């Protein structure tokens, strides 16, 4: 069996919360990511979906080493990338990179496009000055940026061009894994398809492995080989893309799909599926985190937390298999 590019084991991330008053007791930590275990295979695109605030971006930052983890383990190509209390080494950092959501905020306005793309090469001391310059030119052309424009600062490029520059920067160090965090949500619809097609082409040409994070199920369905559904800091279902959309097993996954008219399911019954708000990560409920919004919840769901079980299609639900499609 091929070793996964990325693997996490019971990964947890928590933040200290502020006191509400001088004499108030110390508050409980905010549990942003609660025991996530997942794998991304070589050349695979894993889609990560869920509502805003469920912990998707926190997980991405933890994988990059930008946010410290409180427990668990992350490994990249079999090497420990980060464990609680230990920062990833510089050598391992070059094997993973990120495409951020907002191309207007993620590029340094004081640098030229050439300097932005070449920054990872300089940081990791890859090649000499001339070879770096040539590598930047090749990357720019690979993402559709005219190399004659590389001396310009970011504000002289459109939003789509800026995201292409960000993609070129992510590719610069030839990483084993790229995390794309909502890479098209800040772009016009007409530009979104161009960026998605570019990522698809680059994946085929370079054999890229991607963690593709999005709240748009239509985009994830187009991009991903497998999908992981996240709720309240936990993975509640993982499956091959086709299997998830054809037969979602977790009530939350069903609700997400049913609430997406873009997937052609607007006529399905949606009433009450996502009633109420997600629980606070400061005080997650006992049992299944989704039980207060689930129309099929029983006493067992309120008392004990389900584990993620199964083969290729895994689900964390006490009633999986009992609920009619």
Protein backbone atom coordinates (compact mmCIF):
# COMPACT_ATOMS: atom_id res chain seq x y z
CA UNK A 1 0.00 0.00 0.00
CA UNK A 2 1.28 3.47 -0.90
CA UNK A 3 2.18 5.56 2.12
CA UNK A 4 -0.15 8.56 2.57
CA UNK A 5 1.25 12.01 1.89
CA UNK A 6 -0.37 13.36 5.03
CA UNK A 7 -1.75 11.56 8.09
CA UNK A 8 -3.14 12.94 11.32
CA UNK A 9 -3.85 11.01 14.50
CA UNK A 10 -6.33 12.37 17.05
CA UNK A 11 -5.34 15.95 16.23
CA UNK A 12 -6.64 18.56 18.65
CA UNK A 13 -6.37 22.35 18.70
CA UNK A 14 -7.67 24.51 21.51
CA UNK A 15 -7.45 28.21 22.32
CA UNK A 16 -7.45 29.94 25.68
CA UNK A 17 -10.55 32.10 26.10
CA UNK A 18 -10.66 35.42 27.95
CA UNK A 19 -12.13 35.98 31.38
CA UNK A 20 -15.43 37.85 31.41
CA UNK A 21 -14.44 39.77 34.56
CA UNK A 22 -11.52 40.23 36.96
CA UNK A 23 -13.02 37.95 39.62
CA UNK A 24 -14.59 35.46 37.23
CA UNK A 25 -13.20 31.91 37.16
CA UNK A 26 -10.81 30.88 34.43
CA UNK A 27 -12.92 29.88 31.41
CA UNK A 28 -12.63 26.55 29.66
CA UNK A 29 -10.47 26.48 26.51
CA UNK A 30 -12.15 26.80 23.13
CA UNK A 31 -11.98 23.38 21.45
CA UNK A 32 -11.61 24.30 17.77
CA UNK A 33 -10.43 20.89 16.48
CA UNK A 34 -11.48 17.82 18.48
CA UNK A 35 -9.57 14.64 17.69
CA UNK A 36 -9.29 14.49 13.90
CA UNK A 37 -7.69 11.51 12.16
CA UNK A 38 -7.47 11.56 8.38
CA UNK A 39 -5.21 10.62 5.47
CA UNK A 40 -4.45 12.14 2.06
CA UNK A 41 -2.98 9.78 -0.52
CA UNK A 42 -0.40 10.56 -3.18
CA UNK A 43 -2.02 12.48 -6.04
CA UNK A 44 -5.36 12.68 -4.24
CA UNK A 45 -7.63 15.68 -3.69
CA UNK A 46 -9.43 15.50 -0.35
CA UNK A 47 -12.31 17.94 -0.04
CA UNK A 48 -13.08 19.32 3.41
CA UNK A 49 -16.56 20.80 3.85
CA UNK A 50 -18.65 22.19 6.68
CA UNK A 51 -20.35 25.32 7.94
CA UNK A 52 -18.40 28.47 8.83
CA UNK A 53 -16.82 28.16 12.25
CA UNK A 54 -16.58 24.35 12.24
CA UNK A 55 -12.75 24.44 12.38
CA UNK A 56 -11.72 23.95 8.72
CA UNK A 57 -9.26 26.85 8.58
CA UNK A 58 -7.93 26.11 12.08
CA UNK A 59 -7.14 22.57 10.95
CA UNK A 60 -5.35 23.91 7.86
CA UNK A 61 -3.21 26.28 9.95
CA UNK A 62 -2.36 23.49 12.38
CA UNK A 63 -1.17 21.29 9.51
CA UNK A 64 1.07 24.14 8.34
CA UNK A 65 2.47 24.76 11.80
CA UNK A 66 0.93 28.25 11.91
CA UNK A 67 -1.26 27.25 14.86
CA UNK A 68 0.13 25.06 17.67
CA UNK A 69 -1.68 21.80 18.31
CA UNK A 70 -2.64 20.76 21.82
CA UNK A 71 -2.63 16.99 21.27
CA UNK A 72 -2.18 14.39 18.56
CA UNK A 73 0.26 13.95 15.73
CA UNK A 74 0.79 15.01 12.13
CA UNK A 75 3.09 13.18 9.72
CA UNK A 76 4.10 14.03 6.19
CA UNK A 77 5.36 11.18 4.00
CA UNK A 78 5.93 9.15 7.16
CA UNK A 79 7.98 11.82 8.93
CA UNK A 80 6.68 13.55 12.04
CA UNK A 81 5.65 17.00 10.86
CA UNK A 82 4.30 18.23 14.16
CA UNK A 83 3.37 16.85 17.53
CA UNK A 84 2.13 18.73 20.58
CA UNK A 85 4.75 21.12 21.90
CA UNK A 86 7.15 20.74 18.96
CA UNK A 87 7.37 22.97 15.90
CA UNK A 88 7.95 21.47 12.44
CA UNK A 89 11.46 21.68 11.07
CA UNK A 90 12.28 24.02 8.20
CA UNK A 91 13.07 21.04 5.96
CA UNK A 92 9.58 19.63 6.51
CA UNK A 93 7.91 23.03 6.13
CA UNK A 94 8.99 23.22 2.48
CA UNK A 95 7.02 20.03 1.75
CA UNK A 96 3.65 21.66 2.47
CA UNK A 97 2.28 24.98 1.24
CA UNK A 98 -0.98 26.89 1.17
CA UNK A 99 -3.19 28.90 -1.16
CA UNK A 100 -5.07 31.38 1.01
CA UNK A 101 -8.65 32.51 0.58
CA UNK A 102 -8.18 36.21 -0.13
CA UNK A 103 -5.70 37.08 -2.90
CA UNK A 104 -5.99 40.75 -1.94
CA UNK A 105 -4.70 40.14 1.59
CA UNK A 106 -2.32 37.20 1.16
CA UNK A 107 0.23 38.94 -1.09
CA UNK A 108 2.74 41.46 0.28
CA UNK A 109 1.87 44.81 -1.37
CA UNK A 110 5.49 46.00 -1.08
CA UNK A 111 6.94 43.18 -3.16
CA UNK A 112 6.85 42.56 -6.88
CA UNK A 113 5.13 39.49 -8.27
CA UNK A 114 8.58 38.05 -9.01
CA UNK A 115 9.69 38.47 -5.39
CA UNK A 116 6.44 37.00 -4.07
CA UNK A 117 6.69 33.86 -6.19
CA UNK A 118 10.40 33.49 -5.48
CA UNK A 119 10.15 34.05 -1.72
CA UNK A 120 9.89 30.32 -0.80
CA UNK A 121 12.96 29.62 -2.95
CA UNK A 122 14.95 32.26 -1.05
CA UNK A 123 13.70 31.15 2.38
CA UNK A 124 14.61 27.52 1.76
CA UNK A 125 17.81 28.42 -0.13
CA UNK A 126 16.78 26.52 -3.25
CA UNK A 127 19.16 27.16 -6.16
CA UNK A 128 21.17 30.29 -6.88
CA UNK A 129 19.95 33.72 -7.94
CA UNK A 130 19.86 32.93 -11.64
CA UNK A 131 18.16 29.54 -11.25
CA UNK A 132 15.57 31.09 -8.94
CA UNK A 133 14.80 33.75 -11.50
CA UNK A 134 14.31 31.11 -14.17
CA UNK A 135 12.16 28.99 -11.85
CA UNK A 136 9.93 32.01 -11.13
CA UNK A 137 9.54 32.67 -14.85
CA UNK A 138 8.53 29.04 -15.46
CA UNK A 139 6.03 29.08 -12.60
CA UNK A 140 4.49 32.33 -13.83
CA UNK A 141 3.98 30.92 -17.29
CA UNK A 142 2.60 27.65 -15.84
CA UNK A 143 -0.19 29.56 -14.06
CA UNK A 144 -0.92 31.91 -16.96
CA UNK A 145 0.95 35.06 -15.90
CA UNK A 146 3.01 36.86 -18.54
CA UNK A 147 6.62 36.84 -17.33
CA UNK A 148 6.96 40.39 -18.63
CA UNK A 149 4.60 41.54 -15.86
CA UNK A 150 6.54 40.07 -12.96
CA UNK A 151 8.11 43.39 -11.94
CA UNK A 152 4.69 44.80 -11.08
CA UNK A 153 3.31 44.93 -7.50
CA UNK A 154 0.13 42.99 -6.60
CA UNK A 155 -2.23 45.99 -6.81
CA UNK A 156 -1.60 46.18 -10.56
CA UNK A 157 -3.11 42.72 -11.07
CA UNK A 158 -6.74 41.63 -11.07
CA UNK A 159 -8.13 39.31 -8.38
CA UNK A 160 -7.82 36.27 -10.63
CA UNK A 161 -4.25 37.16 -11.56
CA UNK A 162 -3.35 37.61 -7.90
CA UNK A 163 -4.66 34.16 -7.08
CA UNK A 164 -2.59 32.77 -9.96
CA UNK A 165 0.46 34.43 -8.38
CA UNK A 166 -0.47 32.83 -5.05
CA UNK A 167 -0.73 29.44 -6.74
CA UNK A 168 2.69 29.90 -8.35
CA UNK A 169 4.13 30.79 -4.93
CA UNK A 170 2.59 27.64 -3.43
CA UNK A 171 4.24 25.54 -6.14
CA UNK A 172 7.67 27.16 -5.85
CA UNK A 173 9.26 24.79 -3.33
CA UNK A 174 7.84 21.72 -5.12
CA UNK A 175 5.77 20.68 -2.06
CA UNK A 176 4.32 17.23 -1.41
CA UNK A 177 0.97 18.71 -0.35
CA UNK A 178 -0.89 21.95 -1.08
CA UNK A 179 -3.71 23.19 1.14
CA UNK A 180 -6.23 25.31 -0.76
CA UNK A 181 -8.39 27.20 1.76
CA UNK A 182 -11.48 28.53 -0.06
CA UNK A 183 -9.26 29.55 -3.01
CA UNK A 184 -12.12 30.87 -5.16
CA UNK A 185 -14.60 32.33 -2.67
CA UNK A 186 -13.25 35.89 -3.00
CA UNK A 187 -13.38 35.82 -6.81
CA UNK A 188 -16.08 36.56 -9.36
CA UNK A 189 -17.99 33.51 -10.59
CA UNK A 190 -16.52 33.88 -14.10
CA UNK A 191 -13.00 33.80 -12.66
CA UNK A 192 -13.68 30.93 -10.25
CA UNK A 193 -13.98 28.39 -13.06
CA UNK A 194 -10.66 29.52 -14.53
CA UNK A 195 -8.85 29.01 -11.23
CA UNK A 196 -10.49 25.61 -10.67
CA UNK A 197 -9.54 24.48 -14.17
CA UNK A 198 -5.98 25.71 -13.56
CA UNK A 199 -5.72 23.68 -10.35
CA UNK A 200 -7.12 20.63 -12.14
CA UNK A 201 -4.59 20.97 -14.97
CA UNK A 202 -1.69 21.46 -12.56
CA UNK A 203 -2.78 18.46 -10.55
CA UNK A 204 -2.74 16.25 -13.65
CA UNK A 205 0.59 17.60 -14.87
CA UNK A 206 2.43 17.55 -11.53
CA UNK A 207 0.62 14.78 -9.65
CA UNK A 208 -0.31 17.18 -6.86
CA UNK A 209 -1.91 16.14 -3.59
CA UNK A 210 -4.40 18.70 -2.31
CA UNK A 211 -6.51 19.39 0.75
CA UNK A 212 -9.29 21.46 -0.82
CA UNK A 213 -11.35 23.39 1.74
CA UNK A 214 -14.66 24.94 0.73
CA UNK A 215 -18.22 25.56 1.87
CA UNK A 216 -19.42 25.22 -1.75
CA UNK A 217 -20.44 21.59 -2.27
CA UNK A 218 -20.71 22.02 -6.04
CA UNK A 219 -17.06 23.07 -6.27
CA UNK A 220 -15.91 20.29 -3.96
CA UNK A 221 -17.86 17.73 -5.98
CA UNK A 222 -16.02 18.90 -9.10
CA UNK A 223 -12.55 18.97 -7.53
CA UNK A 224 -12.30 16.19 -4.94
CA UNK A 225 -11.69 12.43 -5.11
CA UNK A 226 -12.84 12.01 -1.52
CA UNK A 227 -14.72 14.28 0.86
CA UNK A 228 -14.50 14.73 4.63
CA UNK A 229 -17.46 16.42 6.31
CA UNK A 230 -16.59 18.47 9.39
CA UNK A 231 -18.93 19.56 12.18
CA UNK A 232 -18.05 21.27 15.46
CA UNK A 233 -14.35 20.45 15.15
CA UNK A 234 -14.86 16.78 14.26
CA UNK A 235 -14.98 14.69 11.08
CA UNK A 236 -18.44 13.11 10.96
CA UNK A 237 -18.22 11.39 7.55
CA UNK A 238 -15.63 10.56 4.89
CA UNK A 239 -16.34 8.88 1.56
CA UNK A 240 -15.43 8.85 -2.12
CA UNK A 241 -17.10 11.86 -3.73
CA UNK A 242 -19.66 9.94 -5.78
CA UNK A 243 -20.65 7.76 -2.81
CA UNK A 244 -21.14 10.73 -0.52
CA UNK A 245 -23.48 12.54 -2.89
CA UNK A 246 -25.38 9.42 -3.89
CA UNK A 247 -25.87 8.05 -0.37
CA UNK A 248 -24.83 10.40 2.46
CA UNK A 249 -24.94 8.43 5.72
CA UNK A 250 -24.71 11.18 8.36
CA UNK A 251 -27.74 13.43 8.96
CA UNK A 252 -25.52 16.51 8.76
CA UNK A 253 -24.12 15.48 5.37
CA UNK A 254 -27.68 14.93 4.14
CA UNK A 255 -28.68 18.36 5.37
CA UNK A 256 -25.76 20.07 3.62
CA UNK A 257 -26.54 18.37 0.30
CA UNK A 258 -30.28 18.97 0.59
CA UNK A 259 -29.67 22.66 1.31
CA UNK A 260 -27.66 23.18 -1.89
CA UNK A 261 -29.91 24.11 -4.85
CA UNK A 262 -26.83 24.16 -7.06
CA UNK A 263 -26.71 20.37 -6.81
CA UNK A 264 -30.20 20.02 -8.24
CA UNK A 265 -31.81 18.93 -5.00
CA UNK A 266 -33.84 22.05 -4.25
CA UNK A 267 -37.06 20.05 -4.47
CA UNK A 268 -36.01 17.72 -1.65
CA UNK A 269 -37.56 18.21 1.76
CA UNK A 270 -35.30 20.49 3.76
CA UNK A 271 -37.59 21.73 6.49
CA UNK A 272 -35.97 21.43 9.92
CA UNK A 273 -32.83 19.60 8.76
CA UNK A 274 -30.57 22.42 9.85
CA UNK A 275 -32.79 24.11 12.41
CA UNK A 276 -30.93 25.97 15.15
CA UNK A 277 -27.28 26.95 15.34
CA UNK A 278 -24.10 24.89 15.69
CA UNK A 279 -22.98 24.42 19.31
CA UNK A 280 -20.36 26.70 20.79
CA UNK A 281 -16.79 25.30 20.71
CA UNK A 282 -16.40 26.83 24.18
CA UNK A 283 -18.94 24.38 25.56
CA UNK A 284 -19.58 21.49 23.12
CA UNK A 285 -22.48 19.23 24.08
CA UNK A 286 -22.15 15.74 25.49
CA UNK A 287 -22.72 12.89 23.10
CA UNK A 288 -23.01 13.58 19.39
CA UNK A 289 -22.37 17.28 18.70
CA UNK A 290 -25.16 17.27 16.09
CA UNK A 291 -27.89 15.81 18.32
CA UNK A 292 -29.53 19.19 19.11
CA UNK A 293 -30.20 19.76 15.38
CA UNK A 294 -30.84 16.17 14.29
CA UNK A 295 -34.45 15.06 13.69
CA UNK A 296 -33.44 11.41 14.30
CA UNK A 297 -31.60 11.92 17.61
CA UNK A 298 -32.28 9.45 20.44
CA UNK A 299 -31.11 9.20 24.04
CA UNK A 300 -27.95 7.37 23.00
CA UNK A 301 -27.03 10.31 20.74
CA UNK A 302 -27.27 12.72 23.67
CA UNK A 303 -25.25 10.55 26.03
CA UNK A 304 -22.33 9.05 24.08
CA UNK A 305 -20.16 10.36 21.27
CA UNK A 306 -20.08 8.15 18.14
CA UNK A 307 -16.78 7.08 16.60
CA UNK A 308 -15.88 7.25 12.92
CA UNK A 309 -16.20 3.68 11.61
CA UNK A 310 -16.42 1.88 8.29
CA UNK A 311 -14.23 1.11 5.28
CA UNK A 312 -13.99 3.51 2.33
CA UNK A 313 -17.21 5.15 3.52
CA UNK A 314 -16.85 6.05 7.20
CA UNK A 315 -19.45 7.73 9.38
CA UNK A 316 -19.72 8.83 13.02
CA UNK A 317 -23.39 8.26 13.76
CA UNK A 318 -25.14 5.89 16.16
CA UNK A 319 -28.07 5.53 13.77
CA UNK A 320 -26.16 5.13 10.50
CA UNK A 321 -27.89 2.43 8.45
CA UNK A 322 -31.17 2.77 10.37
CA UNK A 323 -32.34 6.04 8.80
CA UNK A 324 -34.17 5.68 5.51
CA UNK A 325 -32.61 7.53 2.52
